[in-house]
């Protein structure tokens, strides 16, 4: 997968507010993506639900 496809996927995830974004103070072209506390909790919940579904199937 080339980086342009990855960038598109990341932007879509960001628009759905599933990750947060922070621009570099020294170079505004550089962007960092991260999970906020609430996003991390949601991700953990989704992961657990998927694991439960996997075990039952």
N, C-alpha and C. Protein backbone atom coordinates (compact mmCIF):
# COMPACT_ATOMS: atom_id res chain seq x y z
N UNK A 1 0.86 -1.18 0.00
CA UNK A 1 0.00 0.00 0.00
C UNK A 1 0.90 1.24 0.00
N UNK A 2 0.68 2.15 -0.93
CA UNK A 2 1.52 3.34 -0.96
C UNK A 2 1.04 4.37 0.07
N UNK A 3 1.90 5.35 0.35
CA UNK A 3 1.60 6.30 1.42
C UNK A 3 0.39 7.17 1.14
N UNK A 4 0.08 7.44 -0.12
CA UNK A 4 -1.09 8.28 -0.41
C UNK A 4 -2.37 7.58 0.03
N UNK A 5 -2.44 6.26 -0.13
CA UNK A 5 -3.62 5.52 0.32
C UNK A 5 -3.71 5.52 1.84
N UNK A 6 -2.57 5.39 2.48
CA UNK A 6 -2.54 5.42 3.94
C UNK A 6 -3.00 6.79 4.44
N UNK A 7 -2.52 7.85 3.80
CA UNK A 7 -2.93 9.21 4.18
C UNK A 7 -4.44 9.39 4.05
N UNK A 8 -5.02 8.87 2.99
CA UNK A 8 -6.47 8.98 2.78
C UNK A 8 -7.21 8.25 3.89
N UNK A 9 -6.76 7.06 4.23
CA UNK A 9 -7.40 6.28 5.29
C UNK A 9 -7.30 7.02 6.63
N UNK A 10 -6.14 7.56 6.93
CA UNK A 10 -5.95 8.28 8.19
C UNK A 10 -6.85 9.51 8.24
N UNK A 11 -6.95 10.25 7.14
CA UNK A 11 -7.82 11.43 7.12
C UNK A 11 -9.28 11.06 7.34
N UNK A 12 -9.71 9.94 6.76
CA UNK A 12 -11.09 9.49 6.96
C UNK A 12 -11.34 9.14 8.43
N UNK A 13 -10.39 8.47 9.04
CA UNK A 13 -10.51 8.11 10.46
C UNK A 13 -10.53 9.38 11.31
N UNK A 14 -9.70 10.35 10.95
CA UNK A 14 -9.67 11.62 11.70
C UNK A 14 -11.00 12.36 11.58
N UNK A 15 -11.56 12.39 10.39
CA UNK A 15 -12.84 13.08 10.18
C UNK A 15 -13.97 12.46 11.00
N UNK A 16 -13.86 11.17 11.27
CA UNK A 16 -14.86 10.50 12.10
C UNK A 16 -14.55 10.64 13.59
N UNK A 17 -13.51 11.41 13.88
CA UNK A 17 -13.09 11.71 15.26
C UNK A 17 -12.69 10.46 16.04
N UNK A 18 -12.10 9.49 15.34
CA UNK A 18 -11.62 8.28 16.01
C UNK A 18 -10.15 8.40 16.41
N UNK A 19 -9.47 9.42 15.88
CA UNK A 19 -8.11 9.76 16.30
C UNK A 19 -8.01 11.28 16.39
N UNK A 20 -6.98 11.75 17.08
CA UNK A 20 -6.74 13.18 17.21
C UNK A 20 -5.49 13.56 16.44
N UNK A 21 -5.36 14.85 16.17
CA UNK A 21 -4.24 15.32 15.36
C UNK A 21 -3.56 16.49 16.06
N UNK A 22 -2.24 16.54 15.92
CA UNK A 22 -1.45 17.62 16.49
C UNK A 22 -0.40 18.02 15.47
N UNK A 23 -0.33 19.30 15.16
CA UNK A 23 0.69 19.79 14.22
C UNK A 23 1.98 20.12 14.96
N UNK A 24 3.08 19.90 14.30
CA UNK A 24 4.39 20.21 14.87
C UNK A 24 4.52 21.72 15.06
N UNK A 25 5.13 22.13 16.15
CA UNK A 25 5.35 23.56 16.38
C UNK A 25 6.45 24.11 15.49
N UNK A 26 7.37 23.26 15.07
CA UNK A 26 8.50 23.71 14.25
C UNK A 26 8.26 23.59 12.76
N UNK A 27 7.42 22.66 12.35
CA UNK A 27 7.14 22.45 10.93
C UNK A 27 5.67 22.09 10.78
N UNK A 28 4.86 23.05 10.36
CA UNK A 28 3.42 22.81 10.33
C UNK A 28 2.99 21.77 9.29
N UNK A 29 3.91 21.38 8.41
CA UNK A 29 3.59 20.29 7.47
C UNK A 29 3.61 18.93 8.17
N UNK A 30 4.32 18.87 9.28
CA UNK A 30 4.42 17.62 10.03
C UNK A 30 3.24 17.49 10.99
N UNK A 31 2.58 16.34 10.91
CA UNK A 31 1.38 16.11 11.71
C UNK A 31 1.56 14.82 12.50
N UNK A 32 1.10 14.84 13.74
CA UNK A 32 1.14 13.66 14.59
C UNK A 32 -0.29 13.25 14.90
N UNK A 33 -0.57 11.98 14.78
CA UNK A 33 -1.89 11.46 15.12
C UNK A 33 -1.77 10.64 16.39
N UNK A 34 -2.80 10.72 17.24
CA UNK A 34 -2.76 9.99 18.50
C UNK A 34 -4.19 9.73 18.96
N UNK A 35 -4.32 8.86 19.96
CA UNK A 35 -5.61 8.59 20.58
C UNK A 35 -5.74 9.42 21.85
N UNK A 36 -6.84 10.15 21.98
CA UNK A 36 -7.13 10.82 23.24
C UNK A 36 -7.59 9.74 24.23
N UNK A 37 -7.78 10.10 25.47
CA UNK A 37 -8.22 9.13 26.47
C UNK A 37 -9.56 8.52 26.10
N UNK A 38 -10.51 9.35 25.69
CA UNK A 38 -11.84 8.82 25.34
C UNK A 38 -11.78 7.96 24.07
N UNK A 39 -10.94 8.35 23.12
CA UNK A 39 -10.80 7.55 21.90
C UNK A 39 -10.16 6.20 22.22
N UNK A 40 -9.20 6.20 23.11
CA UNK A 40 -8.55 4.95 23.52
C UNK A 40 -9.54 4.02 24.21
N UNK A 41 -10.38 4.58 25.07
CA UNK A 41 -11.40 3.77 25.75
C UNK A 41 -12.36 3.16 24.74
N UNK A 42 -12.77 3.95 23.76
CA UNK A 42 -13.67 3.45 22.72
C UNK A 42 -13.00 2.33 21.93
N UNK A 43 -11.74 2.54 21.57
CA UNK A 43 -11.00 1.52 20.82
C UNK A 43 -10.87 0.23 21.63
N UNK A 44 -10.60 0.35 22.92
CA UNK A 44 -10.52 -0.82 23.79
C UNK A 44 -11.86 -1.56 23.84
N UNK A 45 -12.94 -0.81 23.93
CA UNK A 45 -14.28 -1.41 23.97
C UNK A 45 -14.58 -2.16 22.67
N UNK A 46 -14.27 -1.53 21.55
CA UNK A 46 -14.50 -2.17 20.25
C UNK A 46 -13.67 -3.44 20.13
N UNK A 47 -12.41 -3.36 20.55
CA UNK A 47 -11.52 -4.53 20.49
C UNK A 47 -12.07 -5.68 21.32
N UNK A 48 -12.53 -5.39 22.53
CA UNK A 48 -13.09 -6.44 23.39
C UNK A 48 -14.33 -7.07 22.77
N UNK A 49 -15.18 -6.24 22.16
CA UNK A 49 -16.38 -6.77 21.52
C UNK A 49 -16.03 -7.68 20.35
N UNK A 50 -15.02 -7.30 19.59
CA UNK A 50 -14.57 -8.14 18.47
C UNK A 50 -14.01 -9.46 19.00
N UNK A 51 -13.25 -9.40 20.08
CA UNK A 51 -12.68 -10.62 20.67
C UNK A 51 -13.79 -11.55 21.15
N UNK A 52 -14.83 -11.00 21.76
CA UNK A 52 -15.95 -11.81 22.23
C UNK A 52 -16.65 -12.47 21.03
N UNK A 53 -16.85 -11.71 19.97
CA UNK A 53 -17.48 -12.26 18.77
C UNK A 53 -16.63 -13.37 18.16
N UNK A 54 -15.33 -13.19 18.18
CA UNK A 54 -14.42 -14.19 17.62
C UNK A 54 -14.48 -15.49 18.41
N UNK A 55 -14.56 -15.37 19.72
CA UNK A 55 -14.59 -16.55 20.59
C UNK A 55 -15.89 -17.32 20.41
N UNK A 56 -17.01 -16.61 20.26
CA UNK A 56 -18.30 -17.28 20.13
C UNK A 56 -18.49 -17.93 18.76
N UNK A 57 -17.75 -17.49 17.78
CA UNK A 57 -17.88 -18.09 16.44
C UNK A 57 -16.85 -19.11 16.24
